[in-house]
Amino acid sequence: MFKSRILLEKGRIVFQASRIFGCPTMENPHHCSTSSADLANMPITNITTNINCPVNPLNSTCCASHVTTLREQGKPSFPLKRALIVSKLSRYEFERYRHPDLSEVELERVLRRRGSDYDMLLYHHQLHKECEDIVAAALRDAGAETRVVNRFDYTEANIEWADAIFPTGGDGTFLLAASRILNNAKPVVGFNSDPSRSEGYLCLPKYYSSNIKEAVDKIKNGDFKWLHRKRIRITLIGDRVFDPPIELHDQQLLHPEYRFFDCIQEQHNSALQTKDSAETPAKKRVLPVLALNEVFIGECLSARVSYYEMQVDGGERRKIKSSGMCVSTGTGSTSWTFSIDRLTHQSVEELVRIIADESGLGPEVLNDKNSALIDKITSRFNNTLVFKPDEKKMAYTIRDLICGGIWPSRNENVRPRGYAHRIEVKSRCFDAGLVVDGGISFSFNDGTSAILEIHDPDALLTISLLPT
């Protein structure tokens, strides 16, 4: 469908895009014969992976002995038979891909005219590639067969081939890799390829960016703990739940006719061919993606008020007007929702000043100029916003809640933030989107409902390395 090839030589890149995304083989595997009690405990796909498979495929005797030794020592066994490395799309590759007909000299001229630092783009691209090569070499030395793919070759066939996925880049690359793993059996372990420019919260600690072999040795030797990062399962109910989504990462890069997930476009076409008459009940669809960080719901035009109904844990349904809402996992509690909810030092200083005035406490007790006190209060509050990635709960935040009066009431029926196990939202919006991990947006207009839940089988399997 969509093909583009760029060949560069001597220090440049070889970059080929064949398809925007592979096609998951299943949209919703929950068969009608399955009981409703079992549905909540089923993974979104039926793909299974043996996480205790041999470590070294080149020597089966050695593999069996190694795994037996780890088990005897009470250590976990990591599947290192076939490793799929997911490469970051660097800014240089991005620009190369946007301008496939330009020579290198012409591309440099275009970038410099735009104000971009061409030399730095090339430098950081090479850093990514060097890290990628070292990761591949370390995995091969550990006995693994490796494949390196970019986002366009990250297909279902390559995923099924692999025992483990190793995104090499930053959090964006990790989220891309994780988005296609819809069970809790195939581990995903990320390496931060450029820690000077990326925090890489989802990747291994920055120390291992320059000590990759040490990290791989720890993985091989079982010096890690399994970590199950909870993810949000989304069920849409409405008349147009099979409308094709927009793939936001590619939207500015690709032509509009190619910006959708190939797989979901195909499923959409199939649904159109078999759709029932307008009188049939609303359709129900479990989305073929899981949210590792967060789900955002709101009008596509940020200046337009988002209007929706919200129900938390089966409680009373509330009508909400706001700038949208964000629902996060423990993994995402350090990301977007944290930025929305966190207190700044300026806010704390002003609150301390007001409290001191209202309570009559003197500056010897409360002083907004006491930087140590301001730091302590700010940190203490902000730390309460973060929770563990394996906790089975969601944090919700209503952005810019519009209240009935001029100022929010203390007894306001709607709490602008909180925790939940199940959230149901019904759209009353005009042109809204339900965005998963900032990468893919599903239409969420008037009358459509979304149910957000966390189920154990949907967790992402990853690791935490033990200290030396």
Protein backbone atom coordinates (compact mmCIF):
# COMPACT_ATOMS: atom_id res chain seq x y z
CA MET A 1 0.00 0.00 0.00
CA PHE A 2 2.53 2.57 1.13
CA LYS A 3 6.14 2.25 0.10
CA SER A 4 9.10 4.55 0.28
CA ARG A 5 12.78 3.74 0.16
CA ILE A 6 15.75 5.93 0.90
CA LEU A 7 19.25 4.61 0.41
CA LEU A 8 22.19 6.60 1.72
CA GLU A 9 25.81 5.53 1.83
CA LYS A 10 28.95 6.06 3.90
CA GLY A 11 27.86 7.12 7.34
CA ARG A 12 24.30 7.86 6.33
CA ILE A 13 21.24 5.71 6.86
CA VAL A 14 19.43 2.93 5.13
CA PHE A 15 15.77 3.64 5.73
CA GLN A 16 12.83 1.79 4.27
CA ALA A 17 9.14 2.07 5.10
CA SER A 18 6.92 -0.61 3.71
CA ARG A 19 3.77 -0.35 5.80
CA ILE A 20 2.63 2.08 8.45
CA PHE A 21 1.85 -0.67 10.92
CA GLY A 22 1.28 -4.38 10.79
CA CYS A 23 -2.20 -5.73 11.22
CA PRO A 24 -3.18 -7.47 14.44
CA THR A 25 -4.88 -10.72 13.54
CA MET A 26 -7.72 -10.14 15.95
CA GLU A 27 -9.91 -7.16 16.75
CA ASN A 28 -11.71 -8.74 19.67
CA PRO A 29 -10.99 -12.37 20.55
CA HIS A 30 -13.67 -12.62 23.18
CA HIS A 31 -15.92 -15.34 21.77
CA CYS A 32 -19.62 -15.45 22.53
CA SER A 33 -19.20 -18.82 24.27
CA THR A 34 -17.04 -17.22 26.96
CA SER A 35 -18.80 -16.26 30.17
CA SER A 36 -18.88 -12.63 31.26
CA ALA A 37 -16.92 -13.55 34.38
CA ASP A 38 -14.11 -14.91 32.23
CA LEU A 39 -14.02 -11.91 29.91
CA ALA A 40 -12.56 -9.59 32.52
CA ASN A 41 -9.66 -11.99 33.03
CA MET A 42 -8.90 -12.57 29.37
CA PRO A 43 -6.07 -10.78 27.54
CA ILE A 44 -7.06 -8.77 24.50
CA THR A 45 -5.25 -11.25 22.26
CA ASN A 46 -4.85 -14.99 22.49
CA ILE A 47 -1.14 -14.81 21.73
CA THR A 48 0.87 -16.72 24.31
CA THR A 49 4.57 -16.76 24.91
CA ASN A 50 6.63 -19.08 27.06
CA ILE A 51 8.60 -16.71 29.27
CA ASN A 52 10.72 -19.58 30.53
CA CYS A 53 12.04 -20.55 27.12
CA PRO A 54 15.77 -21.34 26.77
CA VAL A 55 18.25 -18.53 26.99
CA ASN A 56 20.70 -19.73 24.35
CA PRO A 57 19.25 -21.28 21.19
CA LEU A 58 22.67 -22.28 19.91
CA ASN A 59 23.23 -24.91 22.57
CA SER A 60 20.13 -26.66 23.92
CA THR A 61 22.08 -28.58 26.55
CA CYS A 62 23.67 -25.38 27.81
CA CYS A 63 20.23 -23.71 27.77
CA ALA A 64 18.58 -26.37 29.87
CA SER A 65 21.45 -26.35 32.33
CA HIS A 66 21.40 -22.55 32.58
CA VAL A 67 17.64 -22.37 33.16
CA THR A 68 17.81 -25.21 35.72
CA THR A 69 20.58 -23.39 37.58
CA LEU A 70 18.57 -20.17 37.70
CA ARG A 71 15.53 -21.98 39.01
CA GLU A 72 17.60 -23.73 41.66
CA GLN A 73 18.89 -20.31 42.73
CA GLY A 74 15.35 -18.96 42.84
CA LYS A 75 16.05 -16.53 39.99
CA PRO A 76 13.72 -15.70 37.11
CA SER A 77 14.51 -16.92 33.61
CA PHE A 78 14.33 -14.43 30.73
CA PRO A 79 13.57 -15.59 27.15
CA LEU A 80 16.64 -14.65 25.11
CA LYS A 81 16.21 -16.94 22.15
CA ARG A 82 14.88 -14.39 19.65
CA ALA A 83 15.17 -10.67 20.40
CA LEU A 84 13.40 -8.00 18.36
CA ILE A 85 15.04 -4.56 18.58
CA VAL A 86 12.71 -1.66 17.79
CA SER A 87 14.65 1.31 16.47
CA LYS A 88 13.88 4.93 17.26
CA LEU A 89 12.84 7.15 14.38
CA SER A 90 15.41 9.90 14.87
CA ARG A 91 14.77 13.48 13.87
CA TYR A 92 17.29 13.08 11.08
CA GLU A 93 15.43 10.03 9.72
CA PHE A 94 12.17 11.92 10.13
CA GLU A 95 13.45 14.78 7.96
CA ARG A 96 15.03 12.33 5.50
CA TYR A 97 11.69 10.62 5.19
CA ARG A 98 9.76 13.87 4.75
CA HIS A 99 12.05 14.89 1.90
CA PRO A 100 12.90 11.66 0.06
CA ASP A 101 13.69 13.43 -3.22
CA LEU A 102 16.30 15.80 -1.78
CA SER A 103 20.01 15.09 -1.94
CA GLU A 104 21.96 15.31 1.30
CA VAL A 105 23.27 18.75 0.37
CA GLU A 106 19.78 19.98 -0.45
CA LEU A 107 18.38 18.55 2.77
CA GLU A 108 21.10 20.27 4.78
CA ARG A 109 20.29 23.55 3.07
CA VAL A 110 16.55 23.18 3.81
CA LEU A 111 17.17 22.37 7.48
CA ARG A 112 19.63 25.21 8.02
CA ARG A 113 17.27 27.67 6.35
CA ARG A 114 14.58 26.52 8.78
CA GLY A 115 16.92 27.19 11.71
CA SER A 116 17.64 23.55 12.55
CA ASP A 117 21.13 22.47 13.54
CA TYR A 118 21.92 19.90 10.84
CA ASP A 119 25.17 18.79 12.47
CA MET A 120 23.47 18.11 15.80
CA LEU A 121 20.65 16.19 14.12
CA LEU A 122 23.21 13.96 12.43
CA TYR A 123 25.24 13.62 15.64
CA HIS A 124 22.28 12.47 17.73
CA HIS A 125 21.12 10.17 14.95
CA GLN A 126 24.51 8.49 15.05
CA LEU A 127 24.26 8.17 18.85
CA HIS A 128 20.98 6.31 18.47
CA LYS A 129 22.43 4.00 15.84
CA GLU A 130 25.57 3.29 17.88
CA CYS A 131 23.46 2.37 20.91
CA GLU A 132 21.27 0.19 18.73
CA ASP A 133 24.32 -1.65 17.35
CA ILE A 134 25.73 -2.22 20.84
CA VAL A 135 22.40 -3.59 22.09
CA ALA A 136 22.22 -5.97 19.13
CA ALA A 137 25.82 -7.13 19.65
CA ALA A 138 25.31 -7.67 23.39
CA LEU A 139 22.18 -9.73 22.77
CA ARG A 140 23.95 -11.84 20.14
CA ASP A 141 26.84 -12.42 22.53
CA ALA A 142 24.27 -13.67 25.04
CA GLY A 143 23.14 -16.25 22.49
CA ALA A 144 20.11 -14.48 21.05
CA GLU A 145 19.13 -14.27 17.43
CA THR A 146 18.30 -10.63 16.70
CA ARG A 147 16.30 -8.56 14.27
CA VAL A 148 16.29 -4.76 14.08
CA VAL A 149 13.13 -3.08 12.81
CA ASN A 150 11.89 0.49 12.57
CA ARG A 151 8.33 1.60 13.34
CA PHE A 152 7.19 0.78 9.82
CA ASP A 153 8.47 -2.80 9.94
CA TYR A 154 7.16 -3.44 13.44
CA THR A 155 4.62 -5.92 12.15
CA GLU A 156 2.65 -8.75 13.68
CA ALA A 157 4.88 -11.28 11.95
CA ASN A 158 8.02 -9.82 13.53
CA ILE A 159 6.34 -9.61 16.94
CA GLU A 160 5.22 -13.23 16.80
CA TRP A 161 8.75 -14.27 15.80
CA ALA A 162 10.27 -12.65 18.88
CA ASP A 163 10.45 -13.92 22.45
CA ALA A 164 11.23 -10.44 23.79
CA ILE A 165 11.07 -6.86 22.53
CA PHE A 166 13.90 -4.36 23.06
CA PRO A 167 12.95 -0.78 22.09
CA THR A 168 16.05 1.36 21.71
CA GLY A 169 15.33 5.08 21.96
CA GLY A 170 13.31 6.90 24.60
CA ASP A 171 9.85 6.72 26.14
CA GLY A 172 8.19 7.35 22.77
CA THR A 173 9.89 4.33 21.22
CA PHE A 174 9.01 2.26 24.29
CA LEU A 175 5.34 3.26 24.05
CA LEU A 176 5.33 2.37 20.36
CA ALA A 177 6.82 -1.06 21.08
CA ALA A 178 4.47 -1.72 24.00
CA SER A 179 1.37 -0.69 22.05
CA ARG A 180 1.52 -3.83 19.93
CA ILE A 181 2.02 -6.26 22.84
CA LEU A 182 -1.47 -7.04 24.07
CA ASN A 183 -0.73 -9.71 26.67
CA ASN A 184 1.34 -10.09 29.83
CA ALA A 185 3.65 -12.81 28.53
CA LYS A 186 6.08 -11.19 26.08
CA PRO A 187 8.58 -8.95 27.92
CA VAL A 188 9.50 -5.46 26.73
CA VAL A 189 12.81 -3.98 27.93
CA GLY A 190 13.90 -0.52 26.79
CA PHE A 191 17.34 1.05 26.42
CA ASN A 192 17.64 4.84 26.48
CA SER A 193 19.80 5.58 23.45
CA ASP A 194 20.42 9.26 24.23
CA PRO A 195 20.11 9.93 27.98
CA SER A 196 21.51 13.46 27.60
CA ARG A 197 18.27 14.50 25.86
CA SER A 198 15.71 12.04 27.17
CA GLU A 199 14.77 10.94 30.68
CA GLY A 200 13.53 7.57 29.48
CA TYR A 201 11.42 6.77 32.54
CA LEU A 202 10.12 3.61 30.91
CA CYS A 203 13.57 2.38 29.90
CA LEU A 204 16.30 0.86 32.03
CA PRO A 205 18.13 3.45 34.18
CA LYS A 206 20.49 5.82 32.35
CA TYR A 207 23.51 4.02 33.80
CA TYR A 208 22.84 1.09 31.49
CA SER A 209 22.85 3.30 28.39
CA SER A 210 26.63 3.22 28.61
CA ASN A 211 26.81 -0.22 30.25
CA ILE A 212 24.64 -2.22 27.91
CA LYS A 213 26.58 -5.49 28.16
CA GLU A 214 26.26 -5.38 31.94
CA ALA A 215 22.49 -4.99 31.61
CA VAL A 216 22.21 -7.91 29.18
CA ASP A 217 24.38 -10.08 31.44
CA LYS A 218 22.07 -9.31 34.37
CA ILE A 219 19.08 -10.23 32.27
CA LYS A 220 20.69 -13.48 31.18
CA ASN A 221 21.77 -14.34 34.73
CA GLY A 222 18.36 -13.65 36.23
CA ASP A 223 19.48 -10.60 38.22
CA PHE A 224 16.18 -8.80 37.83
CA LYS A 225 12.60 -8.72 39.06
CA TRP A 226 9.54 -9.02 36.87
CA LEU A 227 7.43 -5.87 36.74
CA HIS A 228 3.84 -5.97 35.51
CA ARG A 229 2.90 -2.45 34.42
CA LYS A 230 -0.88 -2.14 34.51
CA ARG A 231 -2.62 -0.87 31.40
CA ILE A 232 -6.08 0.51 30.68
CA ARG A 233 -8.53 -1.49 28.61
CA ILE A 234 -11.01 0.66 26.69
CA THR A 235 -14.46 -0.45 25.55
CA LEU A 236 -16.39 1.84 23.20
CA ILE A 237 -20.17 1.68 22.86
CA GLY A 238 -21.94 3.61 20.12
CA ASP A 239 -22.99 3.74 16.50
CA ARG A 240 -19.58 4.61 15.03
CA VAL A 241 -17.10 2.81 17.23
CA PHE A 242 -15.48 1.18 14.19
CA ASP A 243 -14.58 4.50 12.55
CA PRO A 244 -10.88 4.41 11.66
CA PRO A 245 -8.62 6.22 14.16
CA ILE A 246 -5.96 8.80 13.46
CA GLU A 247 -2.36 7.76 14.08
CA LEU A 248 -1.03 11.00 15.56
CA HIS A 249 2.70 10.20 15.33
CA ASP A 250 2.45 9.82 11.57
CA GLN A 251 -0.13 12.54 10.92
CA GLN A 252 2.37 15.28 10.19
CA LEU A 253 4.68 12.89 8.38
CA LEU A 254 2.35 11.02 6.07
CA HIS A 255 -0.25 11.94 3.54
CA PRO A 256 -3.76 11.88 5.05
CA GLU A 257 -4.77 8.81 3.06
CA TYR A 258 -1.98 6.83 4.74
CA ARG A 259 -2.18 8.13 8.27
CA PHE A 260 -4.33 5.37 9.74
CA PHE A 261 -3.31 2.05 11.17
CA ASP A 262 -3.49 -0.35 8.23
CA CYS A 263 -4.93 -3.07 10.43
CA ILE A 264 -7.68 -0.93 11.91
CA GLN A 265 -8.53 0.49 8.49
CA GLU A 266 -9.01 -3.06 7.21
CA GLN A 267 -11.18 -3.93 10.20
CA HIS A 268 -13.17 -0.74 9.60
CA ASN A 269 -13.83 -1.71 5.99
CA SER A 270 -14.94 -5.17 7.10
CA ALA A 271 -17.31 -3.65 9.66
CA LEU A 272 -18.84 -1.38 7.02
CA GLN A 273 -19.58 -4.33 4.78
CA THR A 274 -21.43 -6.21 7.54
CA LYS A 275 -23.04 -3.35 9.50
CA ASP A 276 -26.65 -3.69 10.54
CA SER A 277 -29.49 -1.29 9.92
CA ALA A 278 -29.79 1.99 11.80
CA GLU A 279 -32.40 0.47 14.10
CA THR A 280 -30.00 -2.07 15.62
CA PRO A 281 -28.58 -1.51 19.13
CA ALA A 282 -25.35 0.41 19.57
CA LYS A 283 -22.19 -1.49 18.70
CA LYS A 284 -19.66 -2.51 21.35
CA ARG A 285 -15.95 -2.69 20.70
CA VAL A 286 -12.94 -3.48 22.87
CA LEU A 287 -10.19 -1.35 21.34
CA PRO A 288 -7.19 -3.26 19.97
CA VAL A 289 -4.79 -1.01 21.91
CA LEU A 290 -4.07 -0.66 25.63
CA ALA A 291 -3.04 2.53 27.41
CA LEU A 292 0.26 2.21 29.26
CA ASN A 293 0.45 5.89 30.26
CA GLU A 294 -2.93 7.54 29.91
CA VAL A 295 -6.19 8.04 28.06
CA PHE A 296 -7.23 11.60 27.19
CA ILE A 297 -10.83 12.48 26.32
CA GLY A 298 -11.79 15.89 24.98
CA GLU A 299 -12.66 18.11 22.06
CA CYS A 300 -10.10 18.07 19.26
CA LEU A 301 -10.13 21.88 19.23
CA SER A 302 -8.59 22.72 22.59
CA ALA A 303 -10.37 26.09 22.81
CA ARG A 304 -13.78 24.37 22.69
CA VAL A 305 -15.40 23.22 25.95
CA SER A 306 -15.64 19.45 26.36
CA TYR A 307 -19.06 18.30 27.58
CA TYR A 308 -19.54 14.76 28.85
CA GLU A 309 -21.09 12.59 31.55
CA MET A 310 -18.88 10.70 33.97
CA GLN A 311 -19.45 7.82 36.35
CA VAL A 312 -16.78 6.56 38.76
CA ASP A 313 -16.91 3.04 40.21
CA GLY A 314 -20.65 2.71 39.61
CA GLY A 315 -21.48 5.91 41.48
CA GLU A 316 -23.73 8.75 40.47
CA ARG A 317 -23.44 9.94 36.87
CA ARG A 318 -22.23 13.55 36.73
CA LYS A 319 -22.43 16.07 33.90
CA ILE A 320 -19.08 17.72 33.31
CA LYS A 321 -17.86 20.74 31.37
CA SER A 322 -14.11 21.12 31.21
CA SER A 323 -11.07 21.19 28.95
CA GLY A 324 -11.17 17.40 28.80
CA MET A 325 -10.13 14.66 31.17
CA CYS A 326 -7.02 12.52 31.58
CA VAL A 327 -7.02 9.02 33.08
CA SER A 328 -3.64 7.50 33.90
CA THR A 329 -2.03 4.33 35.18
CA GLY A 330 0.72 4.20 37.79
CA THR A 331 3.20 4.29 34.92
CA GLY A 332 1.57 7.45 33.59
CA SER A 333 1.29 9.09 37.01
CA THR A 334 4.75 10.62 36.47
CA SER A 335 3.78 11.94 33.04
CA TRP A 336 0.90 14.08 31.75
CA THR A 337 -1.41 13.83 34.77
CA PHE A 338 1.51 14.80 36.98
CA SER A 339 2.08 17.92 34.90
CA ILE A 340 -1.62 18.81 35.14
CA ASP A 341 -2.01 18.26 38.89
CA ARG A 342 1.35 19.23 40.35
CA LEU A 343 1.80 22.32 42.48
CA THR A 344 4.47 24.83 41.57
CA HIS A 345 6.68 26.62 44.06
CA GLN A 346 4.93 29.87 43.13
CA SER A 347 1.52 28.44 44.06
CA VAL A 348 2.79 27.07 47.37
CA GLU A 349 4.43 30.39 48.25
CA GLU A 350 1.15 32.22 47.66
CA LEU A 351 -0.84 29.63 49.65
CA VAL A 352 1.57 29.89 52.59
CA ARG A 353 1.25 33.67 52.52
CA ILE A 354 -2.56 33.47 52.53
CA ILE A 355 -2.62 30.85 55.31
CA ALA A 356 -0.29 32.97 57.43
CA ASP A 357 -2.54 36.02 56.96
CA GLU A 358 -5.81 34.19 57.60
CA SER A 359 -4.58 32.22 60.62
CA GLY A 360 -2.71 35.08 62.23
CA LEU A 361 0.46 33.04 62.39
CA GLY A 362 3.56 35.18 62.28
CA PRO A 363 6.51 34.79 59.90
CA GLU A 364 8.37 32.85 62.59
CA VAL A 365 5.83 30.01 62.04
CA LEU A 366 4.83 30.45 58.41
CA ASN A 367 7.00 32.44 56.06
CA ASP A 368 6.57 32.36 52.31
CA LYS A 369 10.23 33.34 52.00
CA ASN A 370 11.36 30.15 53.74
CA SER A 371 12.60 28.26 50.68
CA ALA A 372 13.23 25.03 52.61
CA LEU A 373 9.61 24.99 53.82
CA ILE A 374 8.28 25.78 50.34
CA ASP A 375 10.39 23.00 48.83
CA LYS A 376 9.22 20.51 51.46
CA ILE A 377 5.52 21.29 51.01
CA THR A 378 5.79 21.30 47.21
CA SER A 379 7.61 17.98 47.10
CA ARG A 380 5.33 16.37 49.66
CA PHE A 381 2.20 17.23 47.72
CA ASN A 382 3.60 16.34 44.31
CA ASN A 383 4.88 12.98 45.58
CA THR A 384 1.33 12.03 46.54
CA LEU A 385 0.36 12.19 42.86
CA VAL A 386 2.64 9.30 41.92
CA PHE A 387 1.74 5.65 42.49
CA LYS A 388 3.34 2.34 41.58
CA PRO A 389 3.09 1.09 37.98
CA ASP A 390 1.79 -2.31 39.11
CA GLU A 391 -1.05 -0.90 41.25
CA LYS A 392 -4.47 -1.93 39.98
CA LYS A 393 -6.09 1.49 39.89
CA MET A 394 -6.43 4.55 37.69
CA ALA A 395 -5.97 8.23 38.51
CA TYR A 396 -8.35 10.64 36.80
CA THR A 397 -7.95 14.39 36.36
CA ILE A 398 -10.59 16.77 35.03
CA ARG A 399 -8.81 19.64 33.34
CA ASP A 400 -10.08 23.16 34.01
CA LEU A 401 -13.38 22.06 35.53
CA ILE A 402 -16.13 24.61 34.82
CA CYS A 403 -18.22 25.13 37.94
CA GLY A 404 -21.80 26.32 38.37
CA GLY A 405 -20.76 29.43 40.22
CA ILE A 406 -17.93 31.87 39.76
CA TRP A 407 -15.67 29.89 42.09
CA PRO A 408 -15.63 26.16 42.88
CA SER A 409 -17.63 25.26 45.99
CA ARG A 410 -16.13 23.21 48.78
CA ASN A 411 -19.16 20.94 48.53
CA GLU A 412 -18.90 20.69 44.76
CA ASN A 413 -20.41 17.39 43.60
CA VAL A 414 -17.57 16.72 41.18
CA ARG A 415 -14.05 16.16 42.46
CA PRO A 416 -11.54 17.33 39.84
CA ARG A 417 -9.19 14.44 40.54
CA GLY A 418 -9.26 11.07 42.24
CA TYR A 419 -8.72 7.33 41.87
CA ALA A 420 -10.96 4.68 40.37
CA HIS A 421 -11.15 1.05 39.30
CA ARG A 422 -13.79 1.63 36.63
CA ILE A 423 -14.71 4.83 34.82
CA GLU A 424 -17.52 5.29 32.34
CA VAL A 425 -17.69 8.41 30.20
CA LYS A 426 -20.50 9.35 27.80
CA SER A 427 -19.69 11.99 25.22
CA ARG A 428 -21.80 15.06 24.63
CA CYS A 429 -19.05 16.57 22.50
CA PHE A 430 -19.15 17.94 18.98
CA ASP A 431 -15.80 16.79 17.56
CA ALA A 432 -13.93 14.91 20.28
CA GLY A 433 -11.22 12.31 20.43
CA LEU A 434 -10.24 9.53 22.80
CA VAL A 435 -6.45 9.51 22.64
CA VAL A 436 -4.38 6.55 23.82
CA ASP A 437 -0.83 7.32 25.02
CA GLY A 438 -0.69 10.42 22.84
CA GLY A 439 -0.33 8.22 19.78
CA ILE A 440 -3.70 7.22 18.39
CA SER A 441 -7.03 9.05 18.49
CA PHE A 442 -10.45 7.41 18.23
CA SER A 443 -13.58 9.41 17.42
CA PHE A 444 -15.60 10.12 20.58
CA ASN A 445 -18.60 12.21 19.67
CA ASP A 446 -22.08 12.78 21.10
CA GLY A 447 -23.73 9.56 22.29
CA THR A 448 -20.60 7.39 22.36
CA SER A 449 -19.63 5.84 25.69
CA ALA A 450 -16.24 4.63 26.87
CA ILE A 451 -15.59 2.19 29.72
CA LEU A 452 -12.08 2.32 31.18
CA GLU A 453 -10.88 -0.60 33.28
CA ILE A 454 -7.71 -2.37 34.38
CA HIS A 455 -7.40 -6.15 34.10
CA ASP A 456 -4.40 -8.22 35.16
CA PRO A 457 -3.99 -10.11 31.84
CA ASP A 458 -3.54 -6.76 30.05
CA ALA A 459 -0.44 -5.79 32.04
CA LEU A 460 2.82 -5.16 30.21
CA LEU A 461 5.61 -7.51 31.27
CA THR A 462 8.91 -5.76 31.80
CA ILE A 463 11.76 -5.92 34.32
CA SER A 464 13.61 -4.03 37.02
CA LEU A 465 17.31 -4.84 37.24
CA LEU A 466 18.71 -5.64 40.66
CA PRO A 467 21.54 -3.47 42.00
CA THR A 468 25.04 -4.86 41.63
